[in-house]
């Protein structure tokens, strides 16, 4: 359990966040671990504000929220501990923030820094991501680059994770680990 990384991947509205919440809630109930929600989303419009509010309502008042739209590795290092379970939601929004940021982030370096932080975690970490590579080839270059970078990110985290779970239609399927 200490430092164990669970990677939960699935399509939009597949139930992946709900599954991740249930993992941390079970660890809270069984071992007293404090649930910490590491949010990568940024509310740039009303629709996103509404989505964030719905996520907050879904997880309830027992969760502490940490905002980490860009420095995800730093947040994991700061918040991870033997008394906490981190839920990172989600990698694809984090990737979007890096790709659309002003500083031309080296995405390979950012991925490796994230893997290093996960490896240093002192408590369990559940990482959520969207599987975006199952649909048609996107029409524009930025969307194709995003799809490709998301695929690379997902493969990198899946390789580093102790457990990988694919969620489809609310049903979890374990791909790696137990």
Protein backbone atom coordinates (compact mmCIF):
# COMPACT_ATOMS: atom_id res chain seq x y z
CA UNK A 1 0.00 0.00 0.00
CA UNK A 2 2.71 2.53 0.90
CA UNK A 3 3.76 4.24 -2.30
CA UNK A 4 1.58 2.00 -4.47
CA UNK A 5 0.52 3.66 -7.73
CA UNK A 6 -2.81 2.74 -9.31
CA UNK A 7 -3.43 4.08 -12.81
CA UNK A 8 -7.10 4.30 -13.78
CA UNK A 9 -7.80 4.96 -17.46
CA UNK A 10 -11.00 5.15 -19.48
CA UNK A 11 -13.07 7.22 -21.82
CA UNK A 12 -15.02 10.37 -21.02
CA UNK A 13 -17.74 9.70 -18.43
CA UNK A 14 -16.68 6.06 -18.15
CA UNK A 15 -16.68 6.07 -14.35
CA UNK A 16 -12.92 6.30 -13.90
CA UNK A 17 -13.03 9.13 -11.35
CA UNK A 18 -15.77 7.38 -9.38
CA UNK A 19 -13.59 4.26 -9.33
CA UNK A 20 -10.56 6.25 -8.18
CA UNK A 21 -12.62 7.89 -5.44
CA UNK A 22 -13.78 4.45 -4.25
CA UNK A 23 -10.16 3.24 -3.96
CA UNK A 24 -9.16 6.18 -1.75
CA UNK A 25 -12.39 6.00 0.25
CA UNK A 26 -11.76 2.31 0.96
CA UNK A 27 -8.22 3.11 2.13
CA UNK A 28 -9.66 5.84 4.35
CA UNK A 29 -12.22 3.45 5.86
CA UNK A 30 -9.78 0.54 6.32
CA UNK A 31 -6.56 2.34 7.26
CA UNK A 32 -7.55 5.90 8.17
CA UNK A 33 -5.71 7.45 5.23
CA UNK A 34 -6.74 11.04 4.58
CA UNK A 35 -8.11 11.45 1.04
CA UNK A 36 -6.43 14.23 -0.94
CA UNK A 37 -7.78 15.25 -4.36
CA UNK A 38 -5.04 16.66 -6.60
CA UNK A 39 -6.90 18.71 -9.21
CA UNK A 40 -5.33 19.58 -12.55
CA UNK A 41 -8.39 21.34 -14.02
CA UNK A 42 -8.58 25.10 -14.48
CA UNK A 43 -11.90 26.92 -14.79
CA UNK A 44 -11.59 29.21 -17.79
CA UNK A 45 -15.33 29.33 -18.49
CA UNK A 46 -18.72 28.69 -16.91
CA UNK A 47 -19.05 25.17 -18.27
CA UNK A 48 -15.73 24.14 -16.69
CA UNK A 49 -16.69 25.85 -13.42
CA UNK A 50 -19.84 23.70 -13.41
CA UNK A 51 -17.86 20.50 -14.07
CA UNK A 52 -15.48 21.31 -11.21
CA UNK A 53 -18.42 21.98 -8.87
CA UNK A 54 -19.98 18.63 -9.79
CA UNK A 55 -16.70 16.82 -9.07
CA UNK A 56 -16.43 18.56 -5.68
CA UNK A 57 -19.99 17.53 -4.82
CA UNK A 58 -19.29 13.95 -5.90
CA UNK A 59 -16.35 13.54 -3.56
CA UNK A 60 -17.97 15.24 -0.56
CA UNK A 61 -16.58 17.21 2.38
CA UNK A 62 -14.12 14.58 3.62
CA UNK A 63 -11.67 15.37 0.85
CA UNK A 64 -8.96 18.02 0.90
CA UNK A 65 -8.30 19.56 -2.52
CA UNK A 66 -4.90 20.64 -3.84
CA UNK A 67 -4.70 22.58 -7.10
CA UNK A 68 -1.88 21.42 -9.40
CA UNK A 69 -2.63 22.48 -12.98
CA UNK A 70 1.05 22.37 -14.03
CA UNK A 71 3.38 21.30 -11.19
CA UNK A 72 1.91 17.86 -10.67
CA UNK A 73 5.20 16.25 -9.65
CA UNK A 74 5.73 18.97 -7.02
CA UNK A 75 2.23 18.49 -5.63
CA UNK A 76 2.73 14.72 -5.34
CA UNK A 77 6.03 15.27 -3.53
CA UNK A 78 4.48 17.82 -1.14
CA UNK A 79 1.24 15.98 -0.40
CA UNK A 80 2.26 12.32 -0.39
CA UNK A 81 2.73 10.72 2.98
CA UNK A 82 2.06 7.53 4.90
CA UNK A 83 -1.20 9.00 6.25
CA UNK A 84 -2.68 10.11 2.91
CA UNK A 85 -4.12 8.67 -0.27
CA UNK A 86 -3.71 10.98 -3.28
CA UNK A 87 -6.15 10.98 -6.18
CA UNK A 88 -4.72 12.81 -9.22
CA UNK A 89 -7.51 13.88 -11.59
CA UNK A 90 -6.52 13.97 -14.38
CA UNK A 91 -3.43 13.52 -16.54
CA UNK A 92 -5.05 14.65 -19.77
CA UNK A 93 -6.00 18.04 -18.30
CA UNK A 94 -2.46 18.35 -16.89
CA UNK A 95 -1.10 17.57 -20.36
CA UNK A 96 -3.41 20.16 -21.90
CA UNK A 97 -2.17 22.78 -19.42
CA UNK A 98 1.44 21.99 -20.32
CA UNK A 99 0.82 21.97 -24.08
CA UNK A 100 -1.10 25.26 -24.07
CA UNK A 101 1.17 27.01 -21.55
CA UNK A 102 3.43 29.90 -22.39
CA UNK A 103 6.76 28.26 -21.62
CA UNK A 104 7.12 25.51 -24.25
CA UNK A 105 7.40 22.73 -21.66
CA UNK A 106 9.52 19.71 -22.54
CA UNK A 107 6.80 17.05 -22.29
CA UNK A 108 9.23 14.12 -22.16
CA UNK A 109 11.00 15.74 -19.20
CA UNK A 110 7.67 16.50 -17.51
CA UNK A 111 6.60 12.86 -17.89
CA UNK A 112 9.88 11.60 -16.43
CA UNK A 113 9.61 14.07 -13.52
CA UNK A 114 6.09 12.77 -12.85
CA UNK A 115 7.29 9.16 -12.88
CA UNK A 116 10.08 10.10 -10.46
CA UNK A 117 7.60 11.79 -8.09
CA UNK A 118 5.30 8.76 -8.21
CA UNK A 119 8.28 6.54 -7.40
CA UNK A 120 9.08 8.70 -4.36
CA UNK A 121 5.49 8.73 -3.05
CA UNK A 122 5.23 7.78 0.62
CA UNK A 123 1.59 6.71 0.39
CA UNK A 124 -0.80 5.35 -2.22
CA UNK A 125 -1.47 7.45 -5.33
CA UNK A 126 -4.36 6.90 -7.73
CA UNK A 127 -3.83 8.56 -11.11
CA UNK A 128 -6.77 9.15 -13.48
CA UNK A 129 -6.42 9.66 -17.25
CA UNK A 130 -8.54 9.64 -20.36
CA UNK A 131 -7.96 7.12 -23.13
CA UNK A 132 -8.18 9.32 -26.22
CA UNK A 133 -6.63 7.05 -28.82
CA UNK A 134 -9.57 4.77 -29.59
CA UNK A 135 -11.46 7.16 -31.87
CA UNK A 136 -10.91 8.56 -35.32
CA UNK A 137 -7.79 10.47 -36.30
CA UNK A 138 -8.35 14.12 -35.31
CA UNK A 139 -8.76 16.68 -38.07
CA UNK A 140 -6.19 19.27 -36.97
CA UNK A 141 -2.52 19.19 -36.04
CA UNK A 142 -2.92 20.30 -32.41
CA UNK A 143 -5.56 17.64 -31.73
CA UNK A 144 -3.37 14.96 -33.36
CA UNK A 145 -0.38 16.09 -31.29
CA UNK A 146 -2.51 16.00 -28.13
CA UNK A 147 -3.74 12.48 -28.92
CA UNK A 148 -0.16 11.33 -29.51
CA UNK A 149 1.20 13.01 -26.35
CA UNK A 150 -1.67 11.62 -24.27
CA UNK A 151 -0.88 8.15 -25.60
CA UNK A 152 2.80 8.56 -24.69
CA UNK A 153 1.87 9.87 -21.23
CA UNK A 154 -0.56 7.03 -20.59
CA UNK A 155 1.98 4.40 -21.68
CA UNK A 156 4.67 5.96 -19.47
CA UNK A 157 2.47 6.04 -16.37
CA UNK A 158 1.03 2.57 -17.02
CA UNK A 159 4.56 1.16 -17.22
CA UNK A 160 5.51 2.80 -13.92
CA UNK A 161 2.28 1.93 -12.07
CA UNK A 162 1.88 -1.05 -9.79
CA UNK A 163 -1.70 -1.53 -10.96
CA UNK A 164 -3.58 -0.43 -14.09
CA UNK A 165 -7.37 -0.44 -14.33
CA UNK A 166 -9.42 0.26 -17.47
CA UNK A 167 -12.94 1.54 -16.72
CA UNK A 168 -15.64 1.09 -19.37
CA UNK A 169 -19.33 1.84 -18.74
CA UNK A 170 -18.61 2.05 -15.01
CA UNK A 171 -17.01 -1.40 -14.92
CA UNK A 172 -13.36 -1.72 -13.85
CA UNK A 173 -11.13 -4.22 -15.64
CA UNK A 174 -7.70 -4.79 -14.09
CA UNK A 175 -5.01 -4.84 -16.79
CA UNK A 176 -1.95 -5.00 -14.55
CA UNK A 177 -1.42 -5.95 -10.91
CA UNK A 178 -4.07 -7.27 -8.58
